[in-house]
PDB file of N, CA and C in Angstrom:
ATOM      1  N   MET A   1      -9.032 -35.814 -28.420  1.00  0.00           N
ATOM      2  CA  MET A   1     -10.234 -34.913 -27.622  1.00  0.00           C
ATOM      3  C   MET A   1      -9.829 -34.357 -26.216  1.00  0.00           C
ATOM      4  N   ILE A   2      -8.982 -35.445 -25.504  1.00  0.00           N
ATOM      5  CA  ILE A   2      -8.815 -34.838 -24.053  1.00  0.00           C
ATOM      6  C   ILE A   2      -7.768 -33.825 -24.315  1.00  0.00           C
ATOM      7  N   LYS A   3      -6.792 -33.880 -25.243  1.00  0.00           N
ATOM      8  CA  LYS A   3      -5.648 -32.861 -25.327  1.00  0.00           C
ATOM      9  C   LYS A   3      -6.498 -31.482 -25.728  1.00  0.00           C
ATOM     10  N   THR A   4      -7.500 -31.514 -26.542  1.00  0.00           N
ATOM     11  CA  THR A   4      -8.271 -30.184 -26.923  1.00  0.00           C
ATOM     12  C   THR A   4      -9.063 -29.729 -25.596  1.00  0.00           C
ATOM     13  N   ILE A   5      -9.590 -30.493 -24.809  1.00  0.00           N
ATOM     14  CA  ILE A   5     -10.037 -30.086 -23.476  1.00  0.00           C
ATOM     15  C   ILE A   5      -9.075 -29.335 -22.645  1.00  0.00           C
ATOM     16  N   LEU A   6      -8.021 -29.945 -22.577  1.00  0.00           N
ATOM     17  CA  LEU A   6      -6.879 -29.640 -21.646  1.00  0.00           C
ATOM     18  C   LEU A   6      -6.397 -28.125 -22.031  1.00  0.00           C
ATOM     19  N   LEU A   7      -6.120 -28.005 -23.562  1.00  0.00           N
ATOM     20  CA  LEU A   7      -5.872 -26.752 -24.215  1.00  0.00           C
ATOM     21  C   LEU A   7      -6.874 -25.704 -23.945  1.00  0.00           C
ATOM     22  N   MET A   8      -8.100 -26.013 -23.916  1.00  0.00           N
ATOM     23  CA  MET A   8      -9.412 -25.015 -23.945  1.00  0.00           C
ATOM     24  C   MET A   8      -9.143 -24.584 -22.386  1.00  0.00           C
ATOM     25  N   ALA A   9      -9.039 -25.563 -21.290  1.00  0.00           N
ATOM     26  CA  ALA A   9      -8.973 -25.090 -20.028  1.00  0.00           C
ATOM     27  C   ALA A   9      -7.881 -24.219 -19.452  1.00  0.00           C
ATOM     28  N   CYS A  10      -6.564 -24.554 -20.229  1.00  0.00           N
ATOM     29  CA  CYS A  10      -5.366 -23.753 -19.987  1.00  0.00           C
ATOM     30  C   CYS A  10      -5.684 -22.307 -20.667  1.00  0.00           C
ATOM     31  N   VAL A  11      -6.141 -22.226 -22.011  1.00  0.00           N
ATOM     32  CA  VAL A  11      -6.453 -20.908 -22.483  1.00  0.00           C
ATOM     33  C   VAL A  11      -7.482 -19.957 -21.712  1.00  0.00           C
ATOM     34  N   SER A  12      -8.477 -20.684 -21.272  1.00  0.00           N
ATOM     35  CA  SER A  12      -9.545 -19.974 -20.552  1.00  0.00           C
ATOM     36  C   SER A  12      -8.759 -19.520 -19.010  1.00  0.00           C
ATOM     37  N   ALA A  13      -8.043 -20.317 -18.447  1.00  0.00           N
ATOM     38  CA  ALA A  13      -7.451 -20.015 -17.255  1.00  0.00           C
ATOM     39  C   ALA A  13      -6.557 -18.720 -17.548  1.00  0.00           C
ATOM     40  N   SER A  14      -5.773 -18.819 -18.412  1.00  0.00           N
ATOM     41  CA  SER A  14      -4.911 -17.648 -18.683  1.00  0.00           C
ATOM     42  C   SER A  14      -5.565 -16.412 -19.200  1.00  0.00           C
ATOM     43  N   LEU A  15      -6.629 -16.355 -19.880  1.00  0.00           N
ATOM     44  CA  LEU A  15      -7.641 -15.364 -20.352  1.00  0.00           C
ATOM     45  C   LEU A  15      -8.027 -14.853 -18.761  1.00  0.00           C
ATOM     46  N   ALA A  16      -8.659 -15.487 -17.992  1.00  0.00           N
ATOM     47  CA  ALA A  16      -9.280 -15.178 -16.717  1.00  0.00           C
ATOM     48  C   ALA A  16      -8.010 -14.251 -16.089  1.00  0.00           C
ATOM     49  N   ILE A  17      -6.875 -14.892 -15.856  1.00  0.00           N
ATOM     50  CA  ILE A  17      -5.818 -14.212 -15.216  1.00  0.00           C
ATOM     51  C   ILE A  17      -5.566 -12.799 -15.690  1.00  0.00           C
ATOM     52  N   VAL A  18      -5.223 -12.748 -17.075  1.00  0.00           N
ATOM     53  CA  VAL A  18      -5.056 -11.476 -17.891  1.00  0.00           C
ATOM     54  C   VAL A  18      -6.074 -10.526 -17.760  1.00  0.00           C
ATOM     55  N   ALA A  19      -7.370 -11.044 -17.730  1.00  0.00           N
ATOM     56  CA  ALA A  19      -8.484 -10.138 -17.588  1.00  0.00           C
ATOM     57  C   ALA A  19      -8.497  -9.466 -16.127  1.00  0.00           C
ATOM     58  N   TYR A  20      -8.400 -10.282 -15.102  1.00  0.00           N
ATOM     59  CA  TYR A  20      -8.502  -9.751 -13.769  1.00  0.00           C
ATOM     60  C   TYR A  20      -7.259  -8.717 -13.694  1.00  0.00           C
ATOM     61  N   ALA A  21      -5.899  -8.947 -14.235  1.00  0.00           N
ATOM     62  CA  ALA A  21      -4.977  -8.061 -13.898  1.00  0.00           C
ATOM     63  C   ALA A  21      -5.049  -6.753 -14.527  1.00  0.00           C
ATOM     64  N   GLN A  22      -5.859  -6.802 -15.866  1.00  0.00           N
ATOM     65  CA  GLN A  22      -6.121  -5.555 -16.567  1.00  0.00           C
ATOM     66  C   GLN A  22      -7.128  -4.734 -15.817  1.00  0.00           C
ATOM     67  N   ASN A  23      -7.980  -5.209 -15.020  1.00  0.00           N
ATOM     68  CA  ASN A  23      -8.922  -4.455 -14.281  1.00  0.00           C
ATOM     69  C   ASN A  23      -8.585  -3.897 -13.015  1.00  0.00           C
ATOM     70  N   SER A  24      -7.304  -4.228 -12.705  1.00  0.00           N
ATOM     71  CA  SER A  24      -6.840  -3.831 -11.302  1.00  0.00           C
ATOM     72  C   SER A  24      -6.466  -2.214 -11.374  1.00  0.00           C
ATOM     73  N   SER A  25      -6.849  -1.763 -10.142  1.00  0.00           N
ATOM     74  CA  SER A  25      -6.445  -0.192 -10.208  1.00  0.00           C
ATOM     75  C   SER A  25      -5.312   0.097  -9.314  1.00  0.00           C
ATOM     76  N   THR A  26      -4.389  -0.753  -9.229  1.00  0.00           N
ATOM     77  CA  THR A  26      -3.226  -0.747  -8.300  1.00  0.00           C
ATOM     78  C   THR A  26      -1.932  -0.199  -9.024  1.00  0.00           C
ATOM     79  N   SER A  27      -0.962   0.112  -8.402  1.00  0.00           N
ATOM     80  CA  SER A  27       0.212   0.671  -9.130  1.00  0.00           C
ATOM     81  C   SER A  27       1.294  -0.517  -9.260  1.00  0.00           C
ATOM     82  N   THR A  28       2.238  -0.397  -9.924  1.00  0.00           N
ATOM     83  CA  THR A  28       3.284  -1.346  -9.783  1.00  0.00           C
ATOM     84  C   THR A  28       3.978  -1.487  -8.573  1.00  0.00           C
ATOM     85  N   VAL A  29       4.202  -2.474  -8.112  1.00  0.00           N
ATOM     86  CA  VAL A  29       4.747  -3.013  -7.116  1.00  0.00           C
ATOM     87  C   VAL A  29       6.230  -3.443  -7.090  1.00  0.00           C
ATOM     88  N   PRO A  30       7.259  -2.910  -6.629  1.00  0.00           N
ATOM     89  CA  PRO A  30       8.620  -3.262  -6.724  1.00  0.00           C
ATOM     90  C   PRO A  30       8.756  -4.937  -6.455  1.00  0.00           C
ATOM     91  N   PRO A  31       9.710  -5.459  -6.931  1.00  0.00           N
ATOM     92  CA  PRO A  31       9.787  -6.863  -6.837  1.00  0.00           C
ATOM     93  C   PRO A  31      10.117  -7.380  -5.494  1.00  0.00           C
ATOM     94  N   SER A  32      10.783  -6.505  -4.542  1.00  0.00           N
ATOM     95  CA  SER A  32      11.300  -6.766  -3.128  1.00  0.00           C
ATOM     96  C   SER A  32      10.063  -6.713  -2.326  1.00  0.00           C
ATOM     97  N   ALA A  33       8.841  -6.248  -2.791  1.00  0.00           N
ATOM     98  CA  ALA A  33       7.570  -6.362  -1.978  1.00  0.00           C
ATOM     99  C   ALA A  33       7.194  -7.905  -1.831  1.00  0.00           C
ATOM    100  N   GLY A  34       7.464  -8.566  -2.838  1.00  0.00           N
ATOM    101  CA  GLY A  34       6.887  -9.857  -2.620  1.00  0.00           C
ATOM    102  C   GLY A  34       5.786 -10.137  -3.559  1.00  0.00           C
ATOM    103  N   VAL A  35       5.417 -11.547  -3.876  1.00  0.00           N
ATOM    104  CA  VAL A  35       4.338 -11.829  -4.461  1.00  0.00           C
ATOM    105  C   VAL A  35       2.898 -11.481  -3.859  1.00  0.00           C
ATOM    106  N   GLY A  36       2.177 -11.034  -4.508  1.00  0.00           N
ATOM    107  CA  GLY A  36       0.679 -10.723  -3.916  1.00  0.00           C
ATOM    108  C   GLY A  36       0.546  -9.446  -3.276  1.00  0.00           C
ATOM    109  N   ALA A  37       1.608  -8.452  -3.248  1.00  0.00           N
ATOM    110  CA  ALA A  37       1.494  -7.324  -2.604  1.00  0.00           C
ATOM    111  C   ALA A  37       0.614  -6.090  -3.489  1.00  0.00           C
ATOM    112  N   THR A  38       0.008  -5.386  -2.744  1.00  0.00           N
ATOM    113  CA  THR A  38      -0.916  -4.395  -3.560  1.00  0.00           C
ATOM    114  C   THR A  38      -0.547  -3.204  -3.158  1.00  0.00           C
ATOM    115  N   SER A  39      -0.410  -2.065  -3.995  1.00  0.00           N
ATOM    116  CA  SER A  39       0.201  -0.704  -3.541  1.00  0.00           C
ATOM    117  C   SER A  39      -1.139   0.109  -3.527  1.00  0.00           C
ATOM    118  N   MET A  40      -1.199   0.984  -2.334  1.00  0.00           N
ATOM    119  CA  MET A  40      -2.429   1.735  -2.073  1.00  0.00           C
ATOM    120  C   MET A  40      -1.923   3.036  -1.337  1.00  0.00           C
ATOM    121  N   GLU A  41      -2.839   4.077  -1.345  1.00  0.00           N
ATOM    122  CA  GLU A  41      -2.690   5.376  -0.486  1.00  0.00           C
ATOM    123  C   GLU A  41      -3.918   5.470   0.430  1.00  0.00           C
ATOM    124  N   SER A  42      -3.539   6.211   1.474  1.00  0.00           N
ATOM    125  CA  SER A  42      -4.616   6.497   2.534  1.00  0.00           C
ATOM    126  C   SER A  42      -4.307   7.809   3.054  1.00  0.00           C
ATOM    127  N   THR A  43      -5.454   8.755   3.353  1.00  0.00           N
ATOM    128  CA  THR A  43      -5.160   9.926   4.018  1.00  0.00           C
ATOM    129  C   THR A  43      -5.926   9.992   5.306  1.00  0.00           C
ATOM    130  N   GLY A  44      -5.408  10.498   6.521  1.00  0.00           N
ATOM    131  CA  GLY A  44      -5.975  10.716   7.656  1.00  0.00           C
ATOM    132  C   GLY A  44      -5.250  11.409   8.665  1.00  0.00           C
ATOM    133  N   THR A  45      -5.683  11.513   9.823  1.00  0.00           N
ATOM    134  CA  THR A  45      -5.055  12.102  10.997  1.00  0.00           C
ATOM    135  C   THR A  45      -4.416  10.977  11.799  1.00  0.00           C
ATOM    136  N   ILE A  46      -3.077  11.243  12.266  1.00  0.00           N
ATOM    137  CA  ILE A  46      -2.428  10.181  13.184  1.00  0.00           C
ATOM    138  C   ILE A  46      -3.154  10.156  14.625  1.00  0.00           C
ATOM    139  N   THR A  47      -3.436   9.007  14.953  1.00  0.00           N
ATOM    140  CA  THR A  47      -3.970   8.942  16.233  1.00  0.00           C
ATOM    141  C   THR A  47      -3.108   8.150  17.342  1.00  0.00           C
ATOM    142  N   GLU A  48      -2.148   7.295  16.685  1.00  0.00           N
ATOM    143  CA  GLU A  48      -1.164   6.552  17.484  1.00  0.00           C
ATOM    144  C   GLU A  48       0.301   6.644  16.606  1.00  0.00           C
ATOM    145  N   TYR A  49       1.316   6.727  17.363  1.00  0.00           N
ATOM    146  CA  TYR A  49       2.358   6.623  16.345  1.00  0.00           C
ATOM    147  C   TYR A  49       3.713   6.172  17.257  1.00  0.00           C
ATOM    148  N   THR A  50       4.301   5.144  16.894  1.00  0.00           N
ATOM    149  CA  THR A  50       5.570   4.510  17.444  1.00  0.00           C
ATOM    150  C   THR A  50       6.601   4.820  16.407  1.00  0.00           C
ATOM    151  N   PRO A  51       7.609   5.431  16.632  1.00  0.00           N
ATOM    152  CA  PRO A  51       8.597   5.716  15.638  1.00  0.00           C
ATOM    153  C   PRO A  51       9.173   4.514  14.991  1.00  0.00           C
ATOM    154  N   ASP A  52       9.548   4.596  13.638  1.00  0.00           N
ATOM    155  CA  ASP A  52       9.942   3.442  13.020  1.00  0.00           C
ATOM    156  C   ASP A  52       9.308   2.156  13.289  1.00  0.00           C
ATOM    157  N   SER A  53       8.198   2.065  13.792  1.00  0.00           N
ATOM    158  CA  SER A  53       7.567   0.969  14.109  1.00  0.00           C
ATOM    159  C   SER A  53       6.086   1.082  13.586  1.00  0.00           C
ATOM    160  N   SER A  54       5.196   1.739  13.817  1.00  0.00           N
ATOM    161  CA  SER A  54       3.752   1.707  13.360  1.00  0.00           C
ATOM    162  C   SER A  54       3.169   2.961  13.600  1.00  0.00           C
ATOM    163  N   LEU A  55       2.029   3.117  13.031  1.00  0.00           N
ATOM    164  CA  LEU A  55       0.909   4.436  13.117  1.00  0.00           C
ATOM    165  C   LEU A  55      -0.313   3.838  12.793  1.00  0.00           C
ATOM    166  N   VAL A  56      -1.247   4.500  13.515  1.00  0.00           N
ATOM    167  CA  VAL A  56      -2.542   4.351  13.196  1.00  0.00           C
ATOM    168  C   VAL A  56      -3.307   5.595  12.835  1.00  0.00           C
ATOM    169  N   LEU A  57      -4.103   5.587  11.629  1.00  0.00           N
ATOM    170  CA  LEU A  57      -4.886   6.731  11.036  1.00  0.00           C
ATOM    171  C   LEU A  57      -6.305   6.687  11.213  1.00  0.00           C
ATOM    172  N   ASP A  58      -6.798   7.882  11.552  1.00  0.00           N
ATOM    173  CA  ASP A  58      -8.189   7.981  11.615  1.00  0.00           C
ATOM    174  C   ASP A  58      -8.603   8.698  10.084  1.00  0.00           C
ATOM    175  N   THR A  59      -9.122   7.774   9.290  1.00  0.00           N
ATOM    176  CA  THR A  59      -9.325   8.192   8.018  1.00  0.00           C
ATOM    177  C   THR A  59     -10.795   8.695   7.756  1.00  0.00           C
ATOM    178  N   GLY A  60     -11.489   8.788   8.846  1.00  0.00           N
ATOM    179  CA  GLY A  60     -12.845   9.238   8.655  1.00  0.00           C
ATOM    180  C   GLY A  60     -13.911   8.223   8.534  1.00  0.00           C
ATOM    181  N   SER A  61     -13.487   6.994   8.330  1.00  0.00           N
ATOM    182  CA  SER A  61     -14.246   5.831   8.134  1.00  0.00           C
ATOM    183  C   SER A  61     -15.051   5.295   9.192  1.00  0.00           C
ATOM    184  N   GLY A  62     -14.607   5.616  10.403  1.00  0.00           N
ATOM    185  CA  GLY A  62     -15.195   5.413  11.753  1.00  0.00           C
ATOM    186  C   GLY A  62     -14.318   4.338  12.233  1.00  0.00           C
ATOM    187  N   GLU A  63     -13.407   3.578  11.477  1.00  0.00           N
ATOM    188  CA  GLU A  63     -12.362   2.559  12.196  1.00  0.00           C
ATOM    189  C   GLU A  63     -11.068   3.076  11.951  1.00  0.00           C
ATOM    190  N   PRO A  64     -10.213   2.844  12.838  1.00  0.00           N
ATOM    191  CA  PRO A  64      -8.663   3.380  12.646  1.00  0.00           C
ATOM    192  C   PRO A  64      -8.251   2.349  11.845  1.00  0.00           C
ATOM    193  N   VAL A  65      -7.156   2.782  11.088  1.00  0.00           N
ATOM    194  CA  VAL A  65      -6.264   1.891  10.093  1.00  0.00           C
ATOM    195  C   VAL A  65      -5.108   1.849  10.873  1.00  0.00           C
ATOM    196  N   HIS A  66      -4.553   0.702  10.941  1.00  0.00           N
ATOM    197  CA  HIS A  66      -3.306   0.375  11.196  1.00  0.00           C
ATOM    198  C   HIS A  66      -2.181   0.106  10.179  1.00  0.00           C
ATOM    199  N   PHE A  67      -0.985   0.726  10.470  1.00  0.00           N
ATOM    200  CA  PHE A  67      -0.029   0.535   9.419  1.00  0.00           C
ATOM    201  C   PHE A  67       1.427   0.248  10.271  1.00  0.00           C
ATOM    202  N   VAL A  68       2.227  -0.527   9.565  1.00  0.00           N
ATOM    203  CA  VAL A  68       3.592  -0.711   9.990  1.00  0.00           C
ATOM    204  C   VAL A  68       4.679  -0.073   8.926  1.00  0.00           C
ATOM    205  N   PHE A  69       5.716   0.315   9.363  1.00  0.00           N
ATOM    206  CA  PHE A  69       6.566   1.021   8.650  1.00  0.00           C
ATOM    207  C   PHE A  69       7.423  -0.139   7.911  1.00  0.00           C
ATOM    208  N   GLY A  70       7.768  -0.031   6.690  1.00  0.00           N
ATOM    209  CA  GLY A  70       8.927  -0.757   5.913  1.00  0.00           C
ATOM    210  C   GLY A  70      10.197  -0.527   6.233  1.00  0.00           C
ATOM    211  N   ARG A  71      11.022  -1.178   5.574  1.00  0.00           N
ATOM    212  CA  ARG A  71      12.522  -0.767   5.797  1.00  0.00           C
ATOM    213  C   ARG A  71      12.997   0.537   5.306  1.00  0.00           C
ATOM    214  N   ASN A  72      12.463   0.879   4.126  1.00  0.00           N
ATOM    215  CA  ASN A  72      12.961   2.149   3.532  1.00  0.00           C
ATOM    216  C   ASN A  72      11.727   2.976   3.290  1.00  0.00           C
ATOM    217  N   VAL A  73      11.449   3.832   4.322  1.00  0.00           N
ATOM    218  CA  VAL A  73      10.487   4.792   4.176  1.00  0.00           C
ATOM    219  C   VAL A  73      11.013   6.152   3.773  1.00  0.00           C
ATOM    220  N   SER A  74      10.346   6.602   2.779  1.00  0.00           N
ATOM    221  CA  SER A  74      10.517   8.142   2.447  1.00  0.00           C
ATOM    222  C   SER A  74       9.592   9.122   3.153  1.00  0.00           C
ATOM    223  N   TYR A  75      10.075  10.315   3.343  1.00  0.00           N
ATOM    224  CA  TYR A  75       9.156  11.162   4.103  1.00  0.00           C
ATOM    225  C   TYR A  75       9.158  12.491   3.277  1.00  0.00           C
ATOM    226  N   VAL A  76       8.070  13.156   3.113  1.00  0.00           N
ATOM    227  CA  VAL A  76       7.894  14.330   2.191  1.00  0.00           C
ATOM    228  C   VAL A  76       7.138  15.298   3.013  1.00  0.00           C
ATOM    229  N   GLY A  77       7.540  16.529   2.909  1.00  0.00           N
ATOM    230  CA  GLY A  77       6.927  17.649   3.753  1.00  0.00           C
ATOM    231  C   GLY A  77       5.778  18.091   3.084  1.00  0.00           C
ATOM    232  N   ALA A  78       4.983  19.165   3.649  1.00  0.00           N
ATOM    233  CA  ALA A  78       3.899  19.678   3.166  1.00  0.00           C
ATOM    234  C   ALA A  78       4.243  20.479   1.979  1.00  0.00           C
ATOM    235  N   ASP A  79       5.371  20.944   1.769  1.00  0.00           N
ATOM    236  CA  ASP A  79       5.836  21.695   0.629  1.00  0.00           C
ATOM    237  C   ASP A  79       6.195  20.565  -0.807  1.00  0.00           C
ATOM    238  N   GLY A  80       6.319  19.399  -0.334  1.00  0.00           N
ATOM    239  CA  GLY A  80       6.611  18.486  -1.372  1.00  0.00           C
ATOM    240  C   GLY A  80       7.861  17.962  -1.638  1.00  0.00           C
ATOM    241  N   GLN A  81       8.830  18.662  -0.683  1.00  0.00           N
ATOM    242  CA  GLN A  81      10.280  18.446  -0.435  1.00  0.00           C
ATOM    243  C   GLN A  81      10.516  17.185   0.271  1.00  0.00           C
ATOM    244  N   THR A  82      11.559  16.336  -0.102  1.00  0.00           N
ATOM    245  CA  THR A  82      11.883  15.258   0.934  1.00  0.00           C
ATOM    246  C   THR A  82      12.543  15.664   2.171  1.00  0.00           C
ATOM    247  N   VAL A  83      12.291  15.260   3.442  1.00  0.00           N
ATOM    248  CA  VAL A  83      12.683  15.657   4.692  1.00  0.00           C
ATOM    249  C   VAL A  83      13.455  14.481   5.210  1.00  0.00           C
ATOM    250  N   GLN A  84      14.655  14.890   6.070  1.00  0.00           N
ATOM    251  CA  GLN A  84      15.322  13.767   6.678  1.00  0.00           C
ATOM    252  C   GLN A  84      14.761  13.203   7.954  1.00  0.00           C
ATOM    253  N   ALA A  85      14.220  14.189   8.746  1.00  0.00           N
ATOM    254  CA  ALA A  85      13.624  13.875   9.979  1.00  0.00           C
ATOM    255  C   ALA A  85      12.206  14.152   9.838  1.00  0.00           C
ATOM    256  N   PRO A  86      11.279  13.033   9.951  1.00  0.00           N
ATOM    257  CA  PRO A  86       9.938  13.086   9.682  1.00  0.00           C
ATOM    258  C   PRO A  86       9.134  14.047  10.524  1.00  0.00           C
ATOM    259  N   GLY A  87       9.250  14.232  11.611  1.00  0.00           N
ATOM    260  CA  GLY A  87       8.627  15.055  12.493  1.00  0.00           C
ATOM    261  C   GLY A  87       7.176  14.612  12.538  1.00  0.00           C
ATOM    262  N   LEU A  88       7.020  13.277  12.564  1.00  0.00           N
ATOM    263  CA  LEU A  88       5.569  12.810  12.699  1.00  0.00           C
ATOM    264  C   LEU A  88       4.957  12.678  14.186  1.00  0.00           C
ATOM    265  N   ARG A  89       3.792  13.151  14.241  1.00  0.00           N
ATOM    266  CA  ARG A  89       3.373  13.176  15.867  1.00  0.00           C
ATOM    267  C   ARG A  89       1.704  13.019  15.610  1.00  0.00           C
ATOM    268  N   LYS A  90       0.940  12.700  16.935  1.00  0.00           N
ATOM    269  CA  LYS A  90      -0.253  12.544  16.802  1.00  0.00           C
ATOM    270  C   LYS A  90      -0.956  13.822  16.409  1.00  0.00           C
ATOM    271  N   ASN A  91      -2.286  13.682  15.860  1.00  0.00           N
ATOM    272  CA  ASN A  91      -3.095  14.827  15.484  1.00  0.00           C
ATOM    273  C   ASN A  91      -2.321  15.608  14.025  1.00  0.00           C
ATOM    274  N   LEU A  92      -1.540  14.864  13.502  1.00  0.00           N
ATOM    275  CA  LEU A  92      -0.729  15.506  12.249  1.00  0.00           C
ATOM    276  C   LEU A  92      -1.504  14.786  11.134  1.00  0.00           C
ATOM    277  N   ARG A  93      -1.860  15.608  10.094  1.00  0.00           N
ATOM    278  CA  ARG A  93      -2.670  15.030   8.863  1.00  0.00           C
ATOM    279  C   ARG A  93      -1.708  14.660   7.712  1.00  0.00           C
ATOM    280  N   VAL A  94      -1.737  13.326   7.276  1.00  0.00           N
ATOM    281  CA  VAL A  94      -0.611  12.754   6.453  1.00  0.00           C
ATOM    282  C   VAL A  94      -1.440  11.933   5.553  1.00  0.00           C
ATOM    283  N   ARG A  95      -0.704  11.595   4.317  1.00  0.00           N
ATOM    284  CA  ARG A  95      -1.077  10.720   3.228  1.00  0.00           C
ATOM    285  C   ARG A  95       0.014   9.593   3.182  1.00  0.00           C
ATOM    286  N   VAL A  96      -0.331   8.425   3.456  1.00  0.00           N
ATOM    287  CA  VAL A  96       0.599   7.306   3.486  1.00  0.00           C
ATOM    288  C   VAL A  96       0.548   6.559   2.167  1.00  0.00           C
ATOM    289  N   HIS A  97       1.603   6.182   1.623  1.00  0.00           N
ATOM    290  CA  HIS A  97       1.774   5.309   0.565  1.00  0.00           C
ATOM    291  C   HIS A  97       2.168   3.930   1.144  1.00  0.00           C
ATOM    292  N   TYR A  98       1.386   2.853   0.894  1.00  0.00           N
ATOM    293  CA  TYR A  98       1.746   1.684   1.618  1.00  0.00           C
ATOM    294  C   TYR A  98       1.285   0.392   0.663  1.00  0.00           C
ATOM    295  N   LEU A  99       2.068  -0.665   1.046  1.00  0.00           N
ATOM    296  CA  LEU A  99       1.937  -2.027   0.109  1.00  0.00           C
ATOM    297  C   LEU A  99       1.096  -2.815   1.212  1.00  0.00           C
ATOM    298  N   VAL A 100       0.072  -3.604   0.601  1.00  0.00           N
ATOM    299  CA  VAL A 100      -0.677  -4.644   1.494  1.00  0.00           C
ATOM    300  C   VAL A 100       0.049  -5.957   1.094  1.00  0.00           C
ATOM    301  N   VAL A 101       0.821  -6.338   2.222  1.00  0.00           N
ATOM    302  CA  VAL A 101       1.534  -7.658   2.097  1.00  0.00           C
ATOM    303  C   VAL A 101       1.135  -8.649   3.066  1.00  0.00           C
ATOM    304  N   GLY A 102       0.364  -9.725   2.555  1.00  0.00           N
ATOM    305  CA  GLY A 102      -0.137 -10.488   3.299  1.00  0.00           C
ATOM    306  C   GLY A 102      -1.258  -9.843   4.120  1.00  0.00           C
ATOM    307  N   GLY A 103      -1.487  -9.818   5.460  1.00  0.00           N
ATOM    308  CA  GLY A 103      -2.479  -9.063   6.141  1.00  0.00           C
ATOM    309  C   GLY A 103      -2.067  -7.695   6.692  1.00  0.00           C
ATOM    310  N   ASP A 104      -0.647  -7.371   6.282  1.00  0.00           N
ATOM    311  CA  ASP A 104      -0.193  -6.093   6.808  1.00  0.00           C
ATOM    312  C   ASP A 104      -0.167  -4.968   5.782  1.00  0.00           C
ATOM    313  N   LYS A 105      -0.374  -3.626   6.471  1.00  0.00           N
ATOM    314  CA  LYS A 105      -0.133  -2.447   5.552  1.00  0.00           C
ATOM    315  C   LYS A 105       1.026  -1.976   5.741  1.00  0.00           C
ATOM    316  N   VAL A 106       2.101  -1.968   4.948  1.00  0.00           N
ATOM    317  CA  VAL A 106       3.435  -1.769   5.134  1.00  0.00           C
ATOM    318  C   VAL A 106       3.803  -0.395   4.416  1.00  0.00           C
ATOM    319  N   ILE A 107       4.166   0.835   5.285  1.00  0.00           N
ATOM    320  CA  ILE A 107       4.304   2.007   4.625  1.00  0.00           C
ATOM    321  C   ILE A 107       5.573   2.146   3.996  1.00  0.00           C
ATOM    322  N   ASP A 108       5.664   2.828   2.699  1.00  0.00           N
ATOM    323  CA  ASP A 108       6.991   3.030   2.186  1.00  0.00           C
ATOM    324  C   ASP A 108       7.106   4.555   1.885  1.00  0.00           C
ATOM    325  N   LYS A 109       6.192   5.393   2.121  1.00  0.00           N
ATOM    326  CA  LYS A 109       6.245   6.705   1.951  1.00  0.00           C
ATOM    327  C   LYS A 109       5.153   7.416   2.792  1.00  0.00           C
ATOM    328  N   VAL A 110       5.382   8.625   3.530  1.00  0.00           N
ATOM    329  CA  VAL A 110       4.603   9.347   4.187  1.00  0.00           C
ATOM    330  C   VAL A 110       4.821  10.958   3.715  1.00  0.00           C
ATOM    331  N   THR A 111       3.610  11.362   3.452  1.00  0.00           N
ATOM    332  CA  THR A 111       3.654  12.903   3.200  1.00  0.00           C
ATOM    333  C   THR A 111       2.699  13.604   3.926  1.00  0.00           C
ATOM    334  N   GLN A 112       3.406  14.559   4.385  1.00  0.00           N
ATOM    335  CA  GLN A 112       2.652  15.505   5.242  1.00  0.00           C
ATOM    336  C   GLN A 112       1.940  16.437   4.559  1.00  0.00           C
ATOM    337  N   THR A 113       0.363  16.656   5.026  1.00  0.00           N
ATOM    338  CA  THR A 113      -0.622  17.220   4.170  1.00  0.00           C
ATOM    339  C   THR A 113      -0.746  18.700   4.892  1.00  0.00           C
ATOM    340  N   GLU A 114      -0.082  18.888   5.938  1.00  0.00           N
ATOM    341  CA  GLU A 114      -0.373  20.299   6.636  1.00  0.00           C
ATOM    342  C   GLU A 114       0.957  20.961   7.128  1.00  0.00           C
TER     343      GLU A 114
END
């Protein structure tokens, strides 16, 4: 009887995990990002920028959104081509792809939209 109850509890827990994972709307995260990382995108205007360190976006939500740069960030120009020198600056409109790792939003790709 106890074995049956334990088996049912394990099966229920497994189904709950699978069901939660199927309802997620996030993209695949590379293993190097760590356990619990979530992949997302945000578009806005740069209000603060520190090269190779961090940036702050005004997304129109009323609250500034703070990001930090990851180790390997790719930069894409408005024409869709990869650029070597990012040319980021205040008041530039960009879309950032980032991973939520712990409490940090870690950028791995910046695309200029203008």
